[in-house]
PDB file of N, CA and C in Angstrom:
ATOM      1  N   SER A   1      90.261  59.673 128.290  1.00  0.00           N
ATOM      2  CA  SER A   1      91.022  59.163 129.100  1.00  0.00           C
ATOM      3  C   SER A   1      92.394  58.413 128.489  1.00  0.00           C
ATOM      4  N   GLN A   2      92.246  58.170 127.362  1.00  0.00           N
ATOM      5  CA  GLN A   2      93.379  57.627 126.554  1.00  0.00           C
ATOM      6  C   GLN A   2      94.507  58.674 126.328  1.00  0.00           C
ATOM      7  N   MET A   3      94.150  60.045 126.526  1.00  0.00           N
ATOM      8  CA  MET A   3      95.190  61.088 126.331  1.00  0.00           C
ATOM      9  C   MET A   3      96.116  61.040 127.461  1.00  0.00           C
ATOM     10  N   PRO A   4      97.491  61.452 126.871  1.00  0.00           N
ATOM     11  CA  PRO A   4      98.278  61.602 128.350  1.00  0.00           C
ATOM     12  C   PRO A   4      97.890  62.595 129.026  1.00  0.00           C
ATOM     13  N   HIS A   5      97.224  63.702 129.020  1.00  0.00           N
ATOM     14  CA  HIS A   5      96.945  64.185 130.092  1.00  0.00           C
ATOM     15  C   HIS A   5      95.403  64.076 130.754  1.00  0.00           C
ATOM     16  N   GLY A   6      94.880  63.055 130.064  1.00  0.00           N
ATOM     17  CA  GLY A   6      93.592  62.563 130.676  1.00  0.00           C
ATOM     18  C   GLY A   6      93.432  62.597 132.144  1.00  0.00           C
ATOM     19  N   HIS A   7      94.522  62.122 132.537  1.00  0.00           N
ATOM     20  CA  HIS A   7      94.396  61.865 134.218  1.00  0.00           C
ATOM     21  C   HIS A   7      94.839  63.054 135.038  1.00  0.00           C
ATOM     22  N   MET A   8      95.186  64.292 134.214  1.00  0.00           N
ATOM     23  CA  MET A   8      95.506  65.512 135.079  1.00  0.00           C
ATOM     24  C   MET A   8      94.546  66.030 135.748  1.00  0.00           C
ATOM     25  N   PRO A   9      94.765  66.737 136.779  1.00  0.00           N
ATOM     26  CA  PRO A   9      93.615  67.414 137.688  1.00  0.00           C
ATOM     27  C   PRO A   9      93.165  68.632 136.836  1.00  0.00           C
ATOM     28  N   LEU A  10      92.042  68.835 136.780  1.00  0.00           N
ATOM     29  CA  LEU A  10      91.107  69.859 135.898  1.00  0.00           C
ATOM     30  C   LEU A  10      91.800  71.271 135.850  1.00  0.00           C
ATOM     31  N   PRO A  11      92.252  71.953 137.316  1.00  0.00           N
ATOM     32  CA  PRO A  11      93.212  73.188 137.150  1.00  0.00           C
ATOM     33  C   PRO A  11      94.241  72.811 136.682  1.00  0.00           C
ATOM     34  N   SER A  12      95.142  71.968 136.488  1.00  0.00           N
ATOM     35  CA  SER A  12      96.341  71.602 135.738  1.00  0.00           C
ATOM     36  C   SER A  12      96.116  71.762 134.395  1.00  0.00           C
ATOM     37  N   PHE A  13      95.137  71.024 133.999  1.00  0.00           N
ATOM     38  CA  PHE A  13      94.767  70.960 132.496  1.00  0.00           C
ATOM     39  C   PHE A  13      94.484  72.249 131.928  1.00  0.00           C
ATOM     40  N   TRP A  14      93.591  73.022 132.704  1.00  0.00           N
ATOM     41  CA  TRP A  14      93.010  74.327 131.994  1.00  0.00           C
ATOM     42  C   TRP A  14      94.428  75.159 132.049  1.00  0.00           C
ATOM     43  N   LYS A  15      95.282  75.182 132.930  1.00  0.00           N
ATOM     44  CA  LYS A  15      96.592  75.976 133.035  1.00  0.00           C
ATOM     45  C   LYS A  15      97.239  75.576 131.906  1.00  0.00           C
ATOM     46  N   MET A  16      97.474  74.384 131.465  1.00  0.00           N
ATOM     47  CA  MET A  16      98.267  73.808 130.511  1.00  0.00           C
ATOM     48  C   MET A  16      97.512  74.390 129.089  1.00  0.00           C
ATOM     49  N   VAL A  17      96.295  74.354 129.097  1.00  0.00           N
ATOM     50  CA  VAL A  17      95.601  74.770 127.956  1.00  0.00           C
ATOM     51  C   VAL A  17      95.966  76.311 127.638  1.00  0.00           C
ATOM     52  N   GLU A  18      95.715  77.076 128.811  1.00  0.00           N
ATOM     53  CA  GLU A  18      96.055  78.671 128.814  1.00  0.00           C
ATOM     54  C   GLU A  18      97.380  78.814 128.274  1.00  0.00           C
ATOM     55  N   ASP A  19      98.352  78.228 128.789  1.00  0.00           N
ATOM     56  CA  ASP A  19      99.912  78.261 128.310  1.00  0.00           C
ATOM     57  C   ASP A  19      99.945  78.220 127.131  1.00  0.00           C
ATOM     58  N   THR A  20      99.589  77.166 126.583  1.00  0.00           N
ATOM     59  CA  THR A  20      99.570  76.828 125.062  1.00  0.00           C
ATOM     60  C   THR A  20      99.000  77.746 124.009  1.00  0.00           C
ATOM     61  N   LEU A  21      97.729  78.217 124.460  1.00  0.00           N
ATOM     62  CA  LEU A  21      97.308  79.330 123.833  1.00  0.00           C
ATOM     63  C   LEU A  21      97.963  80.732 123.921  1.00  0.00           C
ATOM     64  N   GLU A  22      98.540  80.857 124.907  1.00  0.00           N
ATOM     65  CA  GLU A  22      99.344  82.211 124.993  1.00  0.00           C
ATOM     66  C   GLU A  22     100.609  82.199 124.213  1.00  0.00           C
ATOM     67  N   ARG A  23     101.313  80.841 124.218  1.00  0.00           N
ATOM     68  CA  ARG A  23     102.393  80.707 123.612  1.00  0.00           C
ATOM     69  C   ARG A  23     101.822  80.863 121.876  1.00  0.00           C
ATOM     70  N   SER A  24     100.876  80.031 121.542  1.00  0.00           N
ATOM     71  CA  SER A  24     100.519  80.330 120.088  1.00  0.00           C
ATOM     72  C   SER A  24     100.341  81.668 119.838  1.00  0.00           C
ATOM     73  N   GLY A  25      99.660  82.382 120.560  1.00  0.00           N
ATOM     74  CA  GLY A  25      99.182  83.770 120.386  1.00  0.00           C
ATOM     75  C   GLY A  25     100.429  84.475 120.077  1.00  0.00           C
ATOM     76  N   ALA A  26     101.442  84.416 121.124  1.00  0.00           N
ATOM     77  CA  ALA A  26     102.784  85.160 120.874  1.00  0.00           C
ATOM     78  C   ALA A  26     103.421  84.794 119.553  1.00  0.00           C
ATOM     79  N   GLN A  27     103.429  83.428 119.388  1.00  0.00           N
ATOM     80  CA  GLN A  27     103.959  82.897 118.088  1.00  0.00           C
ATOM     81  C   GLN A  27     103.270  83.680 116.784  1.00  0.00           C
ATOM     82  N   LEU A  28     102.101  83.699 116.728  1.00  0.00           N
ATOM     83  CA  LEU A  28     101.201  84.240 115.732  1.00  0.00           C
ATOM     84  C   LEU A  28     101.439  85.747 115.628  1.00  0.00           C
ATOM     85  N   HIS A  29     101.465  86.591 116.805  1.00  0.00           N
ATOM     86  CA  HIS A  29     101.839  87.835 116.815  1.00  0.00           C
ATOM     87  C   HIS A  29     103.418  88.091 116.169  1.00  0.00           C
ATOM     88  N   THR A  30     104.309  87.232 116.748  1.00  0.00           N
ATOM     89  CA  THR A  30     105.831  87.410 116.035  1.00  0.00           C
ATOM     90  C   THR A  30     105.615  87.212 114.504  1.00  0.00           C
ATOM     91  N   PHE A  31     104.887  86.188 114.028  1.00  0.00           N
ATOM     92  CA  PHE A  31     104.812  85.899 112.731  1.00  0.00           C
ATOM     93  C   PHE A  31     104.190  87.034 111.910  1.00  0.00           C
ATOM     94  N   CYS A  32     103.070  87.664 112.271  1.00  0.00           N
ATOM     95  CA  CYS A  32     102.280  88.748 111.817  1.00  0.00           C
ATOM     96  C   CYS A  32     103.046  89.950 111.522  1.00  0.00           C
ATOM     97  N   GLN A  33     103.929  90.316 112.532  1.00  0.00           N
ATOM     98  CA  GLN A  33     104.873  91.229 112.758  1.00  0.00           C
ATOM     99  C   GLN A  33     105.900  91.034 111.578  1.00  0.00           C
ATOM    100  N   ALA A  34     106.464  90.015 111.259  1.00  0.00           N
ATOM    101  CA  ALA A  34     107.522  89.705 110.463  1.00  0.00           C
ATOM    102  C   ALA A  34     107.072  89.643 109.051  1.00  0.00           C
ATOM    103  N   PHE A  35     105.638  89.086 108.893  1.00  0.00           N
ATOM    104  CA  PHE A  35     105.174  89.140 107.673  1.00  0.00           C
ATOM    105  C   PHE A  35     105.042  90.606 107.191  1.00  0.00           C
ATOM    106  N   GLU A  36     104.507  91.595 108.053  1.00  0.00           N
ATOM    107  CA  GLU A  36     104.106  92.934 107.735  1.00  0.00           C
ATOM    108  C   GLU A  36     105.450  93.597 107.357  1.00  0.00           C
ATOM    109  N   THR A  37     106.726  93.190 108.181  1.00  0.00           N
ATOM    110  CA  THR A  37     107.871  94.158 107.483  1.00  0.00           C
ATOM    111  C   THR A  37     108.582  93.610 106.367  1.00  0.00           C
ATOM    112  N   VAL A  38     108.152  92.428 105.656  1.00  0.00           N
ATOM    113  CA  VAL A  38     108.728  92.029 104.461  1.00  0.00           C
ATOM    114  C   VAL A  38     108.434  93.072 103.454  1.00  0.00           C
ATOM    115  N   ALA A  39     109.576  93.452 102.454  1.00  0.00           N
ATOM    116  CA  ALA A  39     109.232  94.590 101.783  1.00  0.00           C
ATOM    117  C   ALA A  39     109.020  94.028 100.535  1.00  0.00           C
ATOM    118  N   PRO A  40     107.703  94.345  99.690  1.00  0.00           N
ATOM    119  CA  PRO A  40     107.336  93.961  98.432  1.00  0.00           C
ATOM    120  C   PRO A  40     108.199  93.802  97.536  1.00  0.00           C
ATOM    121  N   SER A  41     108.270  92.671  96.628  1.00  0.00           N
ATOM    122  CA  SER A  41     109.367  92.717  95.514  1.00  0.00           C
ATOM    123  C   SER A  41     108.793  93.800  94.505  1.00  0.00           C
ATOM    124  N   PRO A  42     109.853  94.427  93.644  1.00  0.00           N
ATOM    125  CA  PRO A  42     109.634  95.532  92.883  1.00  0.00           C
ATOM    126  C   PRO A  42     108.573  94.927  91.924  1.00  0.00           C
ATOM    127  N   VAL A  43     107.933  95.682  91.334  1.00  0.00           N
ATOM    128  CA  VAL A  43     106.918  95.435  90.323  1.00  0.00           C
ATOM    129  C   VAL A  43     107.190  96.010  88.762  1.00  0.00           C
ATOM    130  N   THR A  44     108.187  96.308  88.588  1.00  0.00           N
ATOM    131  CA  THR A  44     108.416  96.957  87.548  1.00  0.00           C
ATOM    132  C   THR A  44     108.066  96.287  86.349  1.00  0.00           C
ATOM    133  N   GLN A  45     107.076  97.067  85.487  1.00  0.00           N
ATOM    134  CA  GLN A  45     106.458  96.431  84.187  1.00  0.00           C
ATOM    135  C   GLN A  45     106.475  97.438  83.149  1.00  0.00           C
ATOM    136  N   PRO A  46     106.584  97.294  81.923  1.00  0.00           N
ATOM    137  CA  PRO A  46     106.690  98.171  81.012  1.00  0.00           C
ATOM    138  C   PRO A  46     105.156  98.703  81.026  1.00  0.00           C
ATOM    139  N   LEU A  47     104.870  99.753  80.618  1.00  0.00           N
ATOM    140  CA  LEU A  47     103.692 100.533  80.390  1.00  0.00           C
ATOM    141  C   LEU A  47     103.089 100.384  78.702  1.00  0.00           C
ATOM    142  N   ASN A  48     102.065 100.188  78.476  1.00  0.00           N
ATOM    143  CA  ASN A  48     101.429 100.439  77.087  1.00  0.00           C
ATOM    144  C   ASN A  48     101.403 101.853  77.254  1.00  0.00           C
ATOM    145  N   PRO A  49     101.058 102.360  75.883  1.00  0.00           N
ATOM    146  CA  PRO A  49     100.904 103.740  75.684  1.00  0.00           C
ATOM    147  C   PRO A  49      99.778 104.297  76.087  1.00  0.00           C
ATOM    148  N   ALA A  50      98.458 103.501  76.156  1.00  0.00           N
ATOM    149  CA  ALA A  50      97.641 104.134  76.885  1.00  0.00           C
ATOM    150  C   ALA A  50      97.757 104.173  78.438  1.00  0.00           C
ATOM    151  N   GLU A  51      98.538 103.253  79.093  1.00  0.00           N
ATOM    152  CA  GLU A  51      98.852 103.455  80.193  1.00  0.00           C
ATOM    153  C   GLU A  51      99.763 104.727  80.571  1.00  0.00           C
ATOM    154  N   GLU A  52     100.872 104.783  79.584  1.00  0.00           N
ATOM    155  CA  GLU A  52     101.672 106.047  79.798  1.00  0.00           C
ATOM    156  C   GLU A  52     100.885 107.311  80.003  1.00  0.00           C
ATOM    157  N   ARG A  53     100.152 107.305  78.814  1.00  0.00           N
ATOM    158  CA  ARG A  53      99.056 108.639  78.853  1.00  0.00           C
ATOM    159  C   ARG A  53      98.308 108.691  80.216  1.00  0.00           C
ATOM    160  N   LYS A  54      98.014 107.790  80.698  1.00  0.00           N
ATOM    161  CA  LYS A  54      97.113 108.029  81.990  1.00  0.00           C
ATOM    162  C   LYS A  54      98.188 108.245  83.048  1.00  0.00           C
ATOM    163  N   VAL A  55      99.610 107.744  83.099  1.00  0.00           N
ATOM    164  CA  VAL A  55     100.223 108.076  84.173  1.00  0.00           C
ATOM    165  C   VAL A  55     100.744 109.384  83.950  1.00  0.00           C
ATOM    166  N   PHE A  56     101.120 110.121  82.705  1.00  0.00           N
ATOM    167  CA  PHE A  56     101.383 111.431  82.325  1.00  0.00           C
ATOM    168  C   PHE A  56     100.190 112.306  83.046  1.00  0.00           C
ATOM    169  N   SER A  57      98.988 111.942  82.822  1.00  0.00           N
ATOM    170  CA  SER A  57      97.667 112.601  83.443  1.00  0.00           C
ATOM    171  C   SER A  57      97.661 112.609  84.870  1.00  0.00           C
ATOM    172  N   LEU A  58      97.903 111.621  85.527  1.00  0.00           N
ATOM    173  CA  LEU A  58      97.947 111.616  86.796  1.00  0.00           C
ATOM    174  C   LEU A  58      99.132 112.426  87.253  1.00  0.00           C
ATOM    175  N   VAL A  59     100.253 112.516  86.887  1.00  0.00           N
ATOM    176  CA  VAL A  59     101.456 113.360  87.433  1.00  0.00           C
ATOM    177  C   VAL A  59     101.191 114.772  87.109  1.00  0.00           C
ATOM    178  N   SER A  60     100.428 115.324  85.962  1.00  0.00           N
ATOM    179  CA  SER A  60     100.151 116.820  85.736  1.00  0.00           C
ATOM    180  C   SER A  60      99.073 117.053  86.877  1.00  0.00           C
ATOM    181  N   LYS A  61      98.193 116.166  87.007  1.00  0.00           N
ATOM    182  CA  LYS A  61      97.012 116.388  87.969  1.00  0.00           C
ATOM    183  C   LYS A  61      97.450 116.392  89.401  1.00  0.00           C
ATOM    184  N   HIS A  62      98.333 115.381  89.891  1.00  0.00           N
ATOM    185  CA  HIS A  62      98.507 115.247  91.314  1.00  0.00           C
ATOM    186  C   HIS A  62     100.097 115.306  91.557  1.00  0.00           C
ATOM    187  N   GLY A  63     100.836 115.480  90.703  1.00  0.00           N
ATOM    188  CA  GLY A  63     102.460 115.400  91.020  1.00  0.00           C
ATOM    189  C   GLY A  63     102.917 114.142  91.186  1.00  0.00           C
ATOM    190  N   PRO A  64     104.308 113.971  90.984  1.00  0.00           N
ATOM    191  CA  PRO A  64     105.066 112.751  90.798  1.00  0.00           C
ATOM    192  C   PRO A  64     105.045 111.907  92.122  1.00  0.00           C
ATOM    193  N   ASP A  65     105.369 112.746  93.372  1.00  0.00           N
ATOM    194  CA  ASP A  65     105.289 112.230  94.644  1.00  0.00           C
ATOM    195  C   ASP A  65     103.850 111.576  94.960  1.00  0.00           C
ATOM    196  N   LYS A  66     103.010 111.768  94.300  1.00  0.00           N
ATOM    197  CA  LYS A  66     101.543 110.962  94.717  1.00  0.00           C
ATOM    198  C   LYS A  66     101.446 109.562  94.027  1.00  0.00           C
ATOM    199  N   LEU A  67     102.218 109.335  93.198  1.00  0.00           N
ATOM    200  CA  LEU A  67     101.907 108.189  92.487  1.00  0.00           C
ATOM    201  C   LEU A  67     102.718 106.847  93.016  1.00  0.00           C
ATOM    202  N   TYR A  68     101.722 105.904  92.900  1.00  0.00           N
ATOM    203  CA  TYR A  68     101.918 104.583  93.609  1.00  0.00           C
ATOM    204  C   TYR A  68     101.402 103.659  92.611  1.00  0.00           C
ATOM    205  N   GLN A  69     102.164 102.332  92.711  1.00  0.00           N
ATOM    206  CA  GLN A  69     101.827 101.231  91.787  1.00  0.00           C
ATOM    207  C   GLN A  69     101.229 100.131  92.601  1.00  0.00           C
ATOM    208  N   VAL A  70     100.575  99.470  92.022  1.00  0.00           N
ATOM    209  CA  VAL A  70      99.834  98.098  92.687  1.00  0.00           C
ATOM    210  C   VAL A  70     100.841  96.987  92.792  1.00  0.00           C
ATOM    211  N   THR A  71     100.981  96.460  94.030  1.00  0.00           N
ATOM    212  CA  THR A  71     102.033  95.233  93.958  1.00  0.00           C
ATOM    213  C   THR A  71     101.298  94.075  93.888  1.00  0.00           C
ATOM    214  N   SER A  72      99.979  93.973  93.809  1.00  0.00           N
ATOM    215  CA  SER A  72      99.293  92.441  93.620  1.00  0.00           C
ATOM    216  C   SER A  72      97.803  92.907  93.292  1.00  0.00           C
ATOM    217  N   ASN A  73      97.137  92.036  92.603  1.00  0.00           N
ATOM    218  CA  ASN A  73      95.815  92.269  92.048  1.00  0.00           C
ATOM    219  C   ASN A  73      95.081  92.317  93.540  1.00  0.00           C
ATOM    220  N   ILE A  74      94.044  93.569  93.151  1.00  0.00           N
ATOM    221  CA  ILE A  74      93.031  93.794  94.237  1.00  0.00           C
ATOM    222  C   ILE A  74      91.819  93.687  93.861  1.00  0.00           C
ATOM    223  N   SER A  75      90.896  92.954  94.712  1.00  0.00           N
ATOM    224  CA  SER A  75      89.276  92.619  94.209  1.00  0.00           C
ATOM    225  C   SER A  75      88.650  93.496  95.158  1.00  0.00           C
ATOM    226  N   GLY A  76      88.074  94.502  94.763  1.00  0.00           N
ATOM    227  CA  GLY A  76      87.162  95.405  95.589  1.00  0.00           C
ATOM    228  C   GLY A  76      85.901  94.597  95.993  1.00  0.00           C
ATOM    229  N   GLY A  77      85.918  94.470  97.428  1.00  0.00           N
ATOM    230  CA  GLY A  77      84.671  93.686  97.973  1.00  0.00           C
ATOM    231  C   GLY A  77      83.681  94.635  98.465  1.00  0.00           C
ATOM    232  N   LYS A  78      83.956  96.195  98.927  1.00  0.00           N
ATOM    233  CA  LYS A  78      83.023  96.920  99.695  1.00  0.00           C
ATOM    234  C   LYS A  78      82.552  97.798  98.739  1.00  0.00           C
ATOM    235  N   ASP A  79      81.640  98.802  99.020  1.00  0.00           N
ATOM    236  CA  ASP A  79      81.264  99.976  98.108  1.00  0.00           C
ATOM    237  C   ASP A  79      82.513 100.776  98.261  1.00  0.00           C
ATOM    238  N   LEU A  80      82.785 101.373  96.935  1.00  0.00           N
ATOM    239  CA  LEU A  80      83.470 102.413  96.642  1.00  0.00           C
ATOM    240  C   LEU A  80      84.971 101.889  96.833  1.00  0.00           C
ATOM    241  N   ASP A  81      85.062 100.336  96.841  1.00  0.00           N
ATOM    242  CA  ASP A  81      86.417  99.805  96.588  1.00  0.00           C
ATOM    243  C   ASP A  81      86.731  99.695  95.278  1.00  0.00           C
ATOM    244  N   LEU A  82      87.990  99.709  94.731  1.00  0.00           N
ATOM    245  CA  LEU A  82      88.376  99.441  93.557  1.00  0.00           C
ATOM    246  C   LEU A  82      89.045  98.139  93.104  1.00  0.00           C
ATOM    247  N   THR A  83      88.797  97.536  91.787  1.00  0.00           N
ATOM    248  CA  THR A  83      89.519  96.342  91.504  1.00  0.00           C
ATOM    249  C   THR A  83      90.601  96.897  90.780  1.00  0.00           C
ATOM    250  N   LEU A  84      91.879  96.371  90.907  1.00  0.00           N
ATOM    251  CA  LEU A  84      93.090  96.622  90.229  1.00  0.00           C
ATOM    252  C   LEU A  84      93.583  95.741  89.856  1.00  0.00           C
ATOM    253  N   GLN A  85      94.544  95.769  88.870  1.00  0.00           N
ATOM    254  CA  GLN A  85      95.763  94.920  88.313  1.00  0.00           C
ATOM    255  C   GLN A  85      96.984  95.181  88.934  1.00  0.00           C
ATOM    256  N   ARG A  86      97.844  94.154  89.253  1.00  0.00           N
ATOM    257  CA  ARG A  86      99.184  94.116  89.622  1.00  0.00           C
ATOM    258  C   ARG A  86      99.789  95.160  88.651  1.00  0.00           C
ATOM    259  N   GLY A  87     100.712  96.097  88.970  1.00  0.00           N
ATOM    260  CA  GLY A  87     101.511  97.021  88.150  1.00  0.00           C
ATOM    261  C   GLY A  87     100.725  98.173  87.844  1.00  0.00           C
ATOM    262  N   GLN A  88      99.417  98.340  88.040  1.00  0.00           N
ATOM    263  CA  GLN A  88      98.639  99.627  87.835  1.00  0.00           C
ATOM    264  C   GLN A  88      99.381 100.736  88.595  1.00  0.00           C
ATOM    265  N   ILE A  89      99.003 101.928  87.816  1.00  0.00           N
ATOM    266  CA  ILE A  89      99.393 102.934  88.605  1.00  0.00           C
ATOM    267  C   ILE A  89      98.455 103.886  88.818  1.00  0.00           C
ATOM    268  N   VAL A  90      98.448 104.449  90.035  1.00  0.00           N
ATOM    269  CA  VAL A  90      97.369 105.263  90.833  1.00  0.00           C
ATOM    270  C   VAL A  90      98.001 106.383  91.506  1.00  0.00           C
ATOM    271  N   ALA A  91      96.965 107.713  91.821  1.00  0.00           N
ATOM    272  CA  ALA A  91      97.684 108.910  92.506  1.00  0.00           C
ATOM    273  C   ALA A  91      96.830 108.571  93.922  1.00  0.00           C
ATOM    274  N   LEU A  92      97.703 109.041  94.719  1.00  0.00           N
ATOM    275  CA  LEU A  92      97.089 109.090  96.032  1.00  0.00           C
ATOM    276  C   LEU A  92      96.403 110.256  96.205  1.00  0.00           C
ATOM    277  N   LEU A  93      94.991 110.146  96.851  1.00  0.00           N
ATOM    278  CA  LEU A  93      94.197 111.266  97.162  1.00  0.00           C
ATOM    279  C   LEU A  93      94.163 111.512  98.466  1.00  0.00           C
ATOM    280  N   GLN A  94      93.984 110.559  99.298  1.00  0.00           N
ATOM    281  CA  GLN A  94      93.979 110.698 100.802  1.00  0.00           C
ATOM    282  C   GLN A  94      94.270 109.415 101.277  1.00  0.00           C
ATOM    283  N   ASN A  95      95.208 109.446 102.495  1.00  0.00           N
ATOM    284  CA  ASN A  95      96.106 108.171 102.817  1.00  0.00           C
ATOM    285  C   ASN A  95      95.154 107.469 104.033  1.00  0.00           C
ATOM    286  N   VAL A  96      93.851 107.886 103.908  1.00  0.00           N
ATOM    287  CA  VAL A  96      92.756 107.260 105.073  1.00  0.00           C
ATOM    288  C   VAL A  96      91.461 107.139 104.416  1.00  0.00           C
ATOM    289  N   ASP A  97      90.557 106.487 105.034  1.00  0.00           N
ATOM    290  CA  ASP A  97      88.996 106.164 104.573  1.00  0.00           C
ATOM    291  C   ASP A  97      88.195 107.272 105.228  1.00  0.00           C
ATOM    292  N   THR A  98      86.816 107.122 104.715  1.00  0.00           N
ATOM    293  CA  THR A  98      86.065 108.113 105.460  1.00  0.00           C
ATOM    294  C   THR A  98      85.631 107.872 106.929  1.00  0.00           C
ATOM    295  N   LYS A  99      86.289 106.531 107.480  1.00  0.00           N
ATOM    296  CA  LYS A  99      85.941 106.242 108.780  1.00  0.00           C
ATOM    297  C   LYS A  99      87.223 106.540 109.685  1.00  0.00           C
ATOM    298  N   GLY A 100      88.448 107.167 108.789  1.00  0.00           N
ATOM    299  CA  GLY A 100      89.380 107.328 109.626  1.00  0.00           C
ATOM    300  C   GLY A 100      90.622 106.172 109.606  1.00  0.00           C
ATOM    301  N   ASN A 101      90.335 104.952 108.734  1.00  0.00           N
ATOM    302  CA  ASN A 101      91.030 103.872 108.676  1.00  0.00           C
ATOM    303  C   ASN A 101      92.273 104.163 107.825  1.00  0.00           C
ATOM    304  N   THR A 102      93.310 104.009 108.221  1.00  0.00           N
ATOM    305  CA  THR A 102      94.790 104.395 107.376  1.00  0.00           C
ATOM    306  C   THR A 102      95.021 103.114 106.692  1.00  0.00           C
ATOM    307  N   ASN A 103      94.527 101.928 106.767  1.00  0.00           N
ATOM    308  CA  ASN A 103      94.767 100.816 106.059  1.00  0.00           C
ATOM    309  C   ASN A 103      94.101 100.687 104.644  1.00  0.00           C
ATOM    310  N   ARG A 104      92.950 101.803 104.528  1.00  0.00           N
ATOM    311  CA  ARG A 104      92.512 101.816 103.019  1.00  0.00           C
ATOM    312  C   ARG A 104      92.584 103.378 102.598  1.00  0.00           C
ATOM    313  N   TRP A 105      93.250 103.462 101.464  1.00  0.00           N
ATOM    314  CA  TRP A 105      93.736 104.713 100.783  1.00  0.00           C
ATOM    315  C   TRP A 105      92.800 105.094  99.478  1.00  0.00           C
ATOM    316  N   LEU A 106      92.422 106.346  99.592  1.00  0.00           N
ATOM    317  CA  LEU A 106      91.588 106.725  98.302  1.00  0.00           C
ATOM    318  C   LEU A 106      92.549 107.041  97.404  1.00  0.00           C
ATOM    319  N   VAL A 107      92.387 106.547  96.061  1.00  0.00           N
ATOM    320  CA  VAL A 107      93.248 106.713  94.845  1.00  0.00           C
ATOM    321  C   VAL A 107      92.284 107.157  93.790  1.00  0.00           C
ATOM    322  N   ASP A 108      93.099 107.895  92.716  1.00  0.00           N
ATOM    323  CA  ASP A 108      92.555 108.169  91.510  1.00  0.00           C
ATOM    324  C   ASP A 108      93.326 107.157  90.399  1.00  0.00           C
ATOM    325  N   THR A 109      92.460 106.537  89.506  1.00  0.00           N
ATOM    326  CA  THR A 109      93.079 105.724  88.526  1.00  0.00           C
ATOM    327  C   THR A 109      93.208 106.207  87.344  1.00  0.00           C
ATOM    328  N   GLY A 110      92.818 107.527  87.257  1.00  0.00           N
ATOM    329  CA  GLY A 110      93.077 108.376  85.895  1.00  0.00           C
ATOM    330  C   GLY A 110      91.353 107.972  85.218  1.00  0.00           C
ATOM    331  N   GLY A 111      90.747 107.503  85.985  1.00  0.00           N
ATOM    332  CA  GLY A 111      88.937 107.112  85.572  1.00  0.00           C
ATOM    333  C   GLY A 111      88.463 107.094  86.917  1.00  0.00           C
ATOM    334  N   PRO A 112      88.177 105.941  87.488  1.00  0.00           N
ATOM    335  CA  PRO A 112      87.273 105.770  88.568  1.00  0.00           C
ATOM    336  C   PRO A 112      88.230 106.276  89.911  1.00  0.00           C
ATOM    337  N   ARG A 113      87.587 106.761  90.935  1.00  0.00           N
ATOM    338  CA  ARG A 113      88.397 106.692  91.981  1.00  0.00           C
ATOM    339  C   ARG A 113      87.606 105.992  93.190  1.00  0.00           C
ATOM    340  N   GLY A 114      88.406 105.564  93.961  1.00  0.00           N
ATOM    341  CA  GLY A 114      87.929 104.577  95.158  1.00  0.00           C
ATOM    342  C   GLY A 114      88.945 104.276  95.914  1.00  0.00           C
ATOM    343  N   PHE A 115      88.778 103.215  96.830  1.00  0.00           N
ATOM    344  CA  PHE A 115      89.593 102.868  97.994  1.00  0.00           C
ATOM    345  C   PHE A 115      90.149 101.357  97.845  1.00  0.00           C
ATOM    346  N   VAL A 116      91.571 101.283  98.107  1.00  0.00           N
ATOM    347  CA  VAL A 116      92.235 100.243  97.953  1.00  0.00           C
ATOM    348  C   VAL A 116      92.940 100.073  99.335  1.00  0.00           C
ATOM    349  N   PRO A 117      93.669  98.803  99.639  1.00  0.00           N
ATOM    350  CA  PRO A 117      94.111  98.378 100.750  1.00  0.00           C
ATOM    351  C   PRO A 117      95.778  99.096 100.511  1.00  0.00           C
ATOM    352  N   ALA A 118      96.019  99.898 101.558  1.00  0.00           N
ATOM    353  CA  ALA A 118      97.297 100.484 101.453  1.00  0.00           C
ATOM    354  C   ALA A 118      98.463  99.694 101.589  1.00  0.00           C
ATOM    355  N   GLY A 119      98.504  98.387 101.986  1.00  0.00           N
ATOM    356  CA  GLY A 119      99.689  97.499 102.030  1.00  0.00           C
ATOM    357  C   GLY A 119      99.742  96.990 100.479  1.00  0.00           C
ATOM    358  N   LYS A 120      99.090  97.281  99.650  1.00  0.00           N
ATOM    359  CA  LYS A 120      99.188  96.743  98.118  1.00  0.00           C
ATOM    360  C   LYS A 120      99.563  97.557  97.612  1.00  0.00           C
ATOM    361  N   LEU A 121     100.190  98.747  97.588  1.00  0.00           N
ATOM    362  CA  LEU A 121     100.722  99.976  96.853  1.00  0.00           C
ATOM    363  C   LEU A 121     102.194 100.483  97.421  1.00  0.00           C
ATOM    364  N   GLN A 122     102.906 100.598  96.533  1.00  0.00           N
ATOM    365  CA  GLN A 122     104.344 101.038  96.681  1.00  0.00           C
ATOM    366  C   GLN A 122     104.536 102.350  95.736  1.00  0.00           C
ATOM    367  N   PRO A 123     105.332 103.265  96.727  1.00  0.00           N
ATOM    368  CA  PRO A 123     105.466 104.219  95.669  1.00  0.00           C
ATOM    369  C   PRO A 123     106.092 104.201  94.427  1.00  0.00           C
ATOM    370  N   TYR A 124     105.654 104.826  93.313  1.00  0.00           N
ATOM    371  CA  TYR A 124     106.125 104.396  91.893  1.00  0.00           C
ATOM    372  C   TYR A 124     107.500 105.387  91.571  1.00  0.00           C
TER     373      TYR A 124
END
């Protein structure tokens, strides 16, 4: 009863709640779209000799157009997910997981193969 809308008729109150939720949902949707379109910053990092050999191996196996660099650390949480460090180079094997999800890609690290979030990879 102390709230400014505490004396509103119930239908008017629920209409106000629905309108507020609709506006908030639209704002969240707009924010998510803007967040997804922000280009990740370049991750250029020098490679140590062992990483260089691994990259050369991946290029010879898969070709240069299949190489991607990890844009931020990845902590694998599910079976077959990989844990990778920012700056690591991987080769794309499939841009879809076993269930058809295009947000998880199958990659080759030059060692283990597994799935990583597509959004954390950029062409190398």
